[in-house]
Amino acid sequence: QVQLVESGGGLVQAGASLRLSCAASVGTLSTYTVSWFRQAPGQEREFVGSWWRRGSNLFYSDSVKGRFTISRDSAKNTIDLQMNSLKPDDTAVYYCAASRTVILSAARSAEAYHYWGQGTQVTVSS
């Protein structure tokens, strides 16, 4: 069983940056695909981006491409989401999710992931 914990959320103004981290209870996240999702009130959970297992691939939703970057901190065993140029529309609870078996064609679907964190709130004021 893998336990994920997100951290780094907060309240910022539009244009600011935040860095979220996803920490895991397993020895290493490198063999997992770890993706970030977000969910705003009254909306469905939305795919943000993926760090593919062993760092073999990275991809993002169109809404965050060029502003958000996912990376792995091997020393801390975290998958981080660097969010720049934040907009009010980025306001949501951000979740990390992990799976060893998700296939590329399903990576943007929340149902493809077995393990989830509890989420961290990101609020961007205008």
N, C-alpha and C. Protein backbone atom coordinates (compact mmCIF):
# COMPACT_ATOMS: atom_id res chain seq x y z
N GLN A 1 0.85 -1.19 0.00
CA GLN A 1 0.00 0.00 0.00
C GLN A 1 0.88 1.24 0.00
N VAL A 2 0.58 2.15 -0.88
CA VAL A 2 1.35 3.38 -1.01
C VAL A 2 0.54 4.53 -0.42
N GLN A 3 1.15 5.28 0.46
CA GLN A 3 0.49 6.47 1.00
C GLN A 3 1.16 7.70 0.43
N LEU A 4 0.34 8.61 -0.08
CA LEU A 4 0.84 9.84 -0.68
C LEU A 4 0.41 11.03 0.17
N VAL A 5 1.29 11.99 0.30
CA VAL A 5 0.98 13.20 1.06
C VAL A 5 1.42 14.40 0.26
N GLU A 6 0.47 15.30 -0.03
CA GLU A 6 0.78 16.53 -0.74
C GLU A 6 1.07 17.64 0.28
N SER A 7 1.90 18.57 -0.13
CA SER A 7 2.18 19.73 0.70
C SER A 7 2.52 20.91 -0.19
N GLY A 8 2.46 22.11 0.38
CA GLY A 8 2.90 23.30 -0.34
C GLY A 8 1.79 24.21 -0.82
N GLY A 9 0.55 23.84 -0.59
CA GLY A 9 -0.54 24.70 -1.03
C GLY A 9 -0.62 25.98 -0.21
N GLY A 10 -1.46 26.89 -0.66
CA GLY A 10 -1.63 28.14 0.07
C GLY A 10 -2.43 29.14 -0.72
N LEU A 11 -2.45 30.36 -0.19
CA LEU A 11 -3.17 31.47 -0.81
C LEU A 11 -2.15 32.44 -1.39
N VAL A 12 -2.26 32.70 -2.68
CA VAL A 12 -1.34 33.63 -3.35
C VAL A 12 -2.13 34.54 -4.27
N GLN A 13 -1.46 35.59 -4.72
CA GLN A 13 -2.07 36.49 -5.68
C GLN A 13 -1.79 36.02 -7.10
N ALA A 14 -2.60 36.46 -8.01
CA ALA A 14 -2.39 36.13 -9.42
C ALA A 14 -1.00 36.56 -9.85
N GLY A 15 -0.35 35.68 -10.61
CA GLY A 15 1.00 35.95 -11.08
C GLY A 15 2.09 35.36 -10.21
N ALA A 16 1.73 34.92 -9.04
CA ALA A 16 2.70 34.35 -8.11
C ALA A 16 3.01 32.89 -8.46
N SER A 17 3.91 32.32 -7.68
CA SER A 17 4.32 30.93 -7.87
C SER A 17 4.11 30.15 -6.59
N LEU A 18 3.90 28.85 -6.76
CA LEU A 18 3.84 27.92 -5.66
C LEU A 18 4.49 26.62 -6.10
N ARG A 19 5.04 25.90 -5.13
CA ARG A 19 5.62 24.59 -5.42
C ARG A 19 4.96 23.57 -4.52
N LEU A 20 4.31 22.61 -5.14
CA LEU A 20 3.68 21.52 -4.41
C LEU A 20 4.59 20.30 -4.43
N SER A 21 4.54 19.53 -3.37
CA SER A 21 5.30 18.29 -3.31
C SER A 21 4.39 17.13 -3.01
N CYS A 22 4.72 16.00 -3.58
CA CYS A 22 4.01 14.75 -3.33
C CYS A 22 5.03 13.76 -2.77
N ALA A 23 4.87 13.42 -1.50
CA ALA A 23 5.77 12.48 -0.84
C ALA A 23 5.08 11.14 -0.69
N ALA A 24 5.87 10.08 -0.73
CA ALA A 24 5.30 8.73 -0.69
C ALA A 24 5.92 7.90 0.42
N SER A 25 5.17 6.90 0.85
CA SER A 25 5.65 6.03 1.91
C SER A 25 6.54 4.91 1.38
N VAL A 26 6.55 4.72 0.06
CA VAL A 26 7.36 3.65 -0.51
C VAL A 26 8.82 4.08 -0.57
N GLY A 27 9.69 3.12 -0.86
CA GLY A 27 11.10 3.42 -0.90
C GLY A 27 11.46 4.42 -1.98
N THR A 28 10.87 4.28 -3.16
CA THR A 28 11.15 5.23 -4.23
C THR A 28 9.92 5.36 -5.12
N LEU A 29 9.73 6.57 -5.61
CA LEU A 29 8.62 6.81 -6.53
C LEU A 29 9.03 6.59 -7.98
N SER A 30 10.29 6.29 -8.21
CA SER A 30 10.78 6.25 -9.58
C SER A 30 10.11 5.19 -10.43
N THR A 31 9.59 4.13 -9.80
CA THR A 31 8.95 3.07 -10.57
C THR A 31 7.45 3.29 -10.73
N TYR A 32 6.97 4.42 -10.25
CA TYR A 32 5.55 4.74 -10.37
C TYR A 32 5.37 5.88 -11.37
N THR A 33 4.26 5.87 -12.03
CA THR A 33 3.82 7.07 -12.73
C THR A 33 3.05 7.91 -11.71
N VAL A 34 3.46 9.16 -11.59
CA VAL A 34 2.81 10.06 -10.64
C VAL A 34 2.22 11.22 -11.42
N SER A 35 0.95 11.44 -11.21
CA SER A 35 0.26 12.52 -11.90
C SER A 35 -0.37 13.47 -10.89
N TRP A 36 -0.53 14.67 -11.36
CA TRP A 36 -1.22 15.69 -10.56
C TRP A 36 -2.59 15.95 -11.18
N PHE A 37 -3.57 16.04 -10.32
CA PHE A 37 -4.92 16.40 -10.71
C PHE A 37 -5.36 17.57 -9.83
N ARG A 38 -6.42 18.21 -10.24
CA ARG A 38 -6.99 19.26 -9.41
C ARG A 38 -8.50 19.24 -9.52
N GLN A 39 -9.14 19.73 -8.48
CA GLN A 39 -10.60 19.75 -8.47
C GLN A 39 -11.08 21.04 -7.83
N ALA A 40 -11.78 21.82 -8.63
CA ALA A 40 -12.39 23.06 -8.14
C ALA A 40 -13.80 22.73 -7.64
N PRO A 41 -14.35 23.56 -6.77
CA PRO A 41 -15.69 23.31 -6.23
C PRO A 41 -16.72 23.15 -7.33
N GLY A 42 -17.50 22.09 -7.25
CA GLY A 42 -18.56 21.86 -8.21
C GLY A 42 -18.11 21.34 -9.56
N GLN A 43 -16.81 21.05 -9.67
CA GLN A 43 -16.29 20.57 -10.96
C GLN A 43 -15.68 19.19 -10.80
N GLU A 44 -15.50 18.52 -11.93
CA GLU A 44 -14.87 17.21 -11.92
C GLU A 44 -13.36 17.35 -11.74
N ARG A 45 -12.79 16.25 -11.29
CA ARG A 45 -11.33 16.24 -11.11
C ARG A 45 -10.68 16.35 -12.49
N GLU A 46 -9.71 17.23 -12.59
CA GLU A 46 -9.07 17.57 -13.86
C GLU A 46 -7.61 17.18 -13.87
N PHE A 47 -7.18 16.57 -14.94
CA PHE A 47 -5.77 16.21 -15.11
C PHE A 47 -4.92 17.45 -15.26
N VAL A 48 -3.78 17.47 -14.59
CA VAL A 48 -2.83 18.59 -14.68
C VAL A 48 -1.57 18.16 -15.43
N GLY A 49 -0.94 17.09 -14.99
CA GLY A 49 0.27 16.64 -15.65
C GLY A 49 0.78 15.34 -15.06
N SER A 50 1.66 14.69 -15.81
CA SER A 50 2.20 13.39 -15.40
C SER A 50 3.72 13.37 -15.44
N TRP A 51 4.28 12.71 -14.44
CA TRP A 51 5.69 12.31 -14.46
C TRP A 51 5.66 10.80 -14.66
N TRP A 52 6.10 10.40 -15.84
CA TRP A 52 6.01 8.98 -16.17
C TRP A 52 7.11 8.22 -15.45
N ARG A 53 6.84 6.96 -15.13
CA ARG A 53 7.78 6.16 -14.35
C ARG A 53 9.18 6.18 -14.96
N ARG A 54 10.14 6.30 -14.07
CA ARG A 54 11.56 6.42 -14.41
C ARG A 54 11.86 7.68 -15.20
N GLY A 55 10.97 8.62 -15.16
CA GLY A 55 11.21 9.88 -15.82
C GLY A 55 11.26 9.79 -17.33
N SER A 56 10.63 8.77 -17.89
CA SER A 56 10.70 8.55 -19.32
C SER A 56 9.81 9.49 -20.12
N ASN A 57 8.89 10.19 -19.44
CA ASN A 57 7.98 11.07 -20.17
C ASN A 57 7.39 12.10 -19.21
N LEU A 58 7.10 13.24 -19.73
CA LEU A 58 6.41 14.29 -18.99
C LEU A 58 5.38 14.89 -19.93
N PHE A 59 4.17 15.11 -19.45
CA PHE A 59 3.21 15.83 -20.26
C PHE A 59 2.20 16.53 -19.37
N TYR A 60 1.57 17.54 -19.96
CA TYR A 60 0.72 18.44 -19.21
C TYR A 60 -0.59 18.71 -19.95
N SER A 61 -1.55 19.17 -19.20
CA SER A 61 -2.78 19.62 -19.85
C SER A 61 -2.51 20.94 -20.55
N ASP A 62 -3.30 21.23 -21.52
CA ASP A 62 -3.12 22.48 -22.27
C ASP A 62 -3.29 23.70 -21.37
N SER A 63 -4.11 23.58 -20.35
CA SER A 63 -4.40 24.73 -19.49
C SER A 63 -3.22 25.15 -18.63
N VAL A 64 -2.25 24.25 -18.44
CA VAL A 64 -1.11 24.59 -17.58
C VAL A 64 0.23 24.53 -18.32
N LYS A 65 0.22 24.04 -19.54
CA LYS A 65 1.47 23.88 -20.30
C LYS A 65 2.18 25.21 -20.42
N GLY A 66 3.46 25.19 -20.13
CA GLY A 66 4.26 26.41 -20.19
C GLY A 66 4.30 27.17 -18.87
N ARG A 67 3.40 26.85 -17.96
CA ARG A 67 3.39 27.53 -16.65
C ARG A 67 3.75 26.57 -15.52
N PHE A 68 3.38 25.32 -15.65
CA PHE A 68 3.61 24.32 -14.61
C PHE A 68 4.70 23.35 -15.06
N THR A 69 5.48 22.90 -14.10
CA THR A 69 6.55 21.93 -14.40
C THR A 69 6.57 20.86 -13.31
N ILE A 70 6.63 19.61 -13.74
CA ILE A 70 6.73 18.49 -12.81
C ILE A 70 8.16 17.99 -12.83
N SER A 71 8.67 17.70 -11.64
CA SER A 71 10.02 17.18 -11.53
C SER A 71 10.11 16.23 -10.34
N ARG A 72 11.18 15.46 -10.34
CA ARG A 72 11.39 14.53 -9.23
C ARG A 72 12.58 15.00 -8.42
N ASP A 73 12.40 15.01 -7.09
CA ASP A 73 13.50 15.28 -6.17
C ASP A 73 13.90 13.94 -5.57
N SER A 74 14.95 13.35 -6.08
CA SER A 74 15.33 12.01 -5.65
C SER A 74 15.81 11.99 -4.21
N ALA A 75 16.41 13.09 -3.76
CA ALA A 75 16.90 13.14 -2.38
C ALA A 75 15.74 13.10 -1.38
N LYS A 76 14.66 13.78 -1.73
CA LYS A 76 13.51 13.84 -0.85
C LYS A 76 12.46 12.78 -1.19
N ASN A 77 12.65 12.08 -2.30
CA ASN A 77 11.68 11.11 -2.79
C ASN A 77 10.31 11.74 -2.97
N THR A 78 10.31 12.86 -3.67
CA THR A 78 9.06 13.55 -3.96
C THR A 78 8.94 13.81 -5.46
N ILE A 79 7.71 13.96 -5.89
CA ILE A 79 7.41 14.47 -7.22
C ILE A 79 6.79 15.85 -7.01
N ASP A 80 7.43 16.85 -7.56
CA ASP A 80 7.03 18.22 -7.28
C ASP A 80 6.31 18.85 -8.47
N LEU A 81 5.42 19.77 -8.16
CA LEU A 81 4.71 20.52 -9.18
C LEU A 81 5.01 22.00 -8.96
N GLN A 82 5.84 22.55 -9.83
CA GLN A 82 6.16 23.97 -9.78
C GLN A 82 5.13 24.72 -10.60
N MET A 83 4.45 25.64 -9.96
CA MET A 83 3.37 26.38 -10.62
C MET A 83 3.75 27.86 -10.68
N ASN A 84 3.91 28.36 -11.88
CA ASN A 84 4.26 29.76 -12.09
C ASN A 84 3.11 30.49 -12.78
N SER A 85 3.16 31.80 -12.69
CA SER A 85 2.15 32.63 -13.36
C SER A 85 0.74 32.16 -13.02
N LEU A 86 0.49 31.97 -11.75
CA LEU A 86 -0.79 31.43 -11.33
C LEU A 86 -1.94 32.38 -11.65
N LYS A 87 -3.06 31.79 -11.97
CA LYS A 87 -4.27 32.53 -12.32
C LYS A 87 -5.39 32.14 -11.35
N PRO A 88 -6.39 32.99 -11.20
CA PRO A 88 -7.53 32.61 -10.35
C PRO A 88 -8.17 31.29 -10.77
N ASP A 89 -8.15 30.99 -12.07
CA ASP A 89 -8.72 29.73 -12.56
C ASP A 89 -7.95 28.51 -12.09
N ASP A 90 -6.75 28.72 -11.55
CA ASP A 90 -5.97 27.60 -11.02
C ASP A 90 -6.41 27.22 -9.60
N THR A 91 -7.31 27.99 -9.04
CA THR A 91 -7.78 27.70 -7.69
C THR A 91 -8.48 26.35 -7.65
N ALA A 92 -8.01 25.47 -6.77
CA ALA A 92 -8.55 24.11 -6.68
C ALA A 92 -7.83 23.38 -5.55
N VAL A 93 -8.35 22.21 -5.23
CA VAL A 93 -7.60 21.27 -4.41
C VAL A 93 -6.75 20.43 -5.36
N TYR A 94 -5.47 20.36 -5.08
CA TYR A 94 -4.53 19.64 -5.93
C TYR A 94 -4.19 18.30 -5.29
N TYR A 95 -4.28 17.26 -6.11
CA TYR A 95 -4.02 15.90 -5.65
C TYR A 95 -2.88 15.29 -6.47
N CYS A 96 -2.07 14.47 -5.81
CA CYS A 96 -1.17 13.62 -6.57
C CYS A 96 -1.71 12.20 -6.52
N ALA A 97 -1.43 11.47 -7.58
CA ALA A 97 -1.91 10.11 -7.72
C ALA A 97 -0.80 9.27 -8.31
N ALA A 98 -0.76 8.00 -7.95
CA ALA A 98 0.33 7.15 -8.41
C ALA A 98 -0.21 5.80 -8.87
N SER A 99 0.50 5.24 -9.81
CA SER A 99 0.18 3.90 -10.29
C SER A 99 1.41 3.30 -10.94
N ARG A 100 1.56 2.01 -10.78
CA ARG A 100 2.63 1.31 -11.49
C ARG A 100 2.16 0.75 -12.82
N THR A 101 0.84 0.70 -13.00
CA THR A 101 0.32 -0.02 -14.16
C THR A 101 -0.44 0.84 -15.16
N VAL A 102 -0.59 2.13 -14.87
CA VAL A 102 -1.36 2.97 -15.79
C VAL A 102 -0.68 2.99 -17.14
N ILE A 103 -1.49 2.91 -18.19
CA ILE A 103 -0.94 2.97 -19.54
C ILE A 103 -1.08 4.39 -20.07
N LEU A 104 -0.27 4.70 -21.06
CA LEU A 104 -0.17 6.08 -21.54
C LEU A 104 -1.52 6.62 -21.99
N SER A 105 -2.30 5.80 -22.66
CA SER A 105 -3.57 6.28 -23.19
C SER A 105 -4.59 6.59 -22.09
N ALA A 106 -4.36 6.10 -20.89
CA ALA A 106 -5.28 6.32 -19.78
C ALA A 106 -4.74 7.30 -18.75
N ALA A 107 -3.59 7.86 -19.00
CA ALA A 107 -2.90 8.65 -17.99
C ALA A 107 -3.66 9.88 -17.53
N ARG A 108 -4.53 10.39 -18.38
CA ARG A 108 -5.26 11.61 -18.02
C ARG A 108 -6.56 11.30 -17.28
N SER A 109 -6.83 10.04 -17.05
CA SER A 109 -8.06 9.61 -16.39
C SER A 109 -7.80 9.29 -14.92
N ALA A 110 -8.57 9.93 -14.04
CA ALA A 110 -8.38 9.71 -12.60
C ALA A 110 -8.62 8.25 -12.22
N GLU A 111 -9.51 7.58 -12.94
CA GLU A 111 -9.84 6.20 -12.61
C GLU A 111 -8.67 5.24 -12.82
N ALA A 112 -7.65 5.68 -13.53
CA ALA A 112 -6.51 4.80 -13.82
C ALA A 112 -5.52 4.69 -12.67
N TYR A 113 -5.70 5.47 -11.62
CA TYR A 113 -4.71 5.54 -10.54
C TYR A 113 -5.21 4.84 -9.29
N HIS A 114 -4.30 4.12 -8.65
CA HIS A 114 -4.67 3.33 -7.48
C HIS A 114 -4.47 4.09 -6.17
N TYR A 115 -3.52 4.99 -6.17
CA TYR A 115 -3.14 5.64 -4.91
C TYR A 115 -3.31 7.15 -5.04
N TRP A 116 -3.87 7.74 -3.99
CA TRP A 116 -4.14 9.17 -3.98
C TRP A 116 -3.73 9.79 -2.66
N GLY A 117 -3.30 11.03 -2.73
CA GLY A 117 -3.08 11.80 -1.53
C GLY A 117 -4.38 12.46 -1.08
N GLN A 118 -4.31 13.18 0.02
CA GLN A 118 -5.50 13.80 0.60
C GLN A 118 -5.81 15.16 -0.03
N GLY A 119 -4.86 15.69 -0.78
CA GLY A 119 -5.07 16.96 -1.46
C GLY A 119 -4.53 18.14 -0.67
N THR A 120 -4.18 19.19 -1.39
CA THR A 120 -3.74 20.43 -0.78
C THR A 120 -4.40 21.59 -1.52
N GLN A 121 -4.90 22.54 -0.75
CA GLN A 121 -5.66 23.65 -1.34
C GLN A 121 -4.74 24.72 -1.91
N VAL A 122 -5.04 25.12 -3.13
CA VAL A 122 -4.36 26.25 -3.77
C VAL A 122 -5.43 27.28 -4.10
N THR A 123 -5.25 28.48 -3.60
CA THR A 123 -6.19 29.56 -3.85
C THR A 123 -5.43 30.74 -4.44
N VAL A 124 -5.89 31.20 -5.60
CA VAL A 124 -5.23 32.30 -6.28
C VAL A 124 -6.22 33.46 -6.34
N SER A 125 -5.86 34.56 -5.73
CA SER A 125 -6.74 35.72 -5.72
C SER A 125 -6.39 36.66 -6.87
N SER A 126 -7.40 37.38 -7.33
CA SER A 126 -7.18 38.29 -8.47
C SER A 126 -6.75 39.67 -8.00
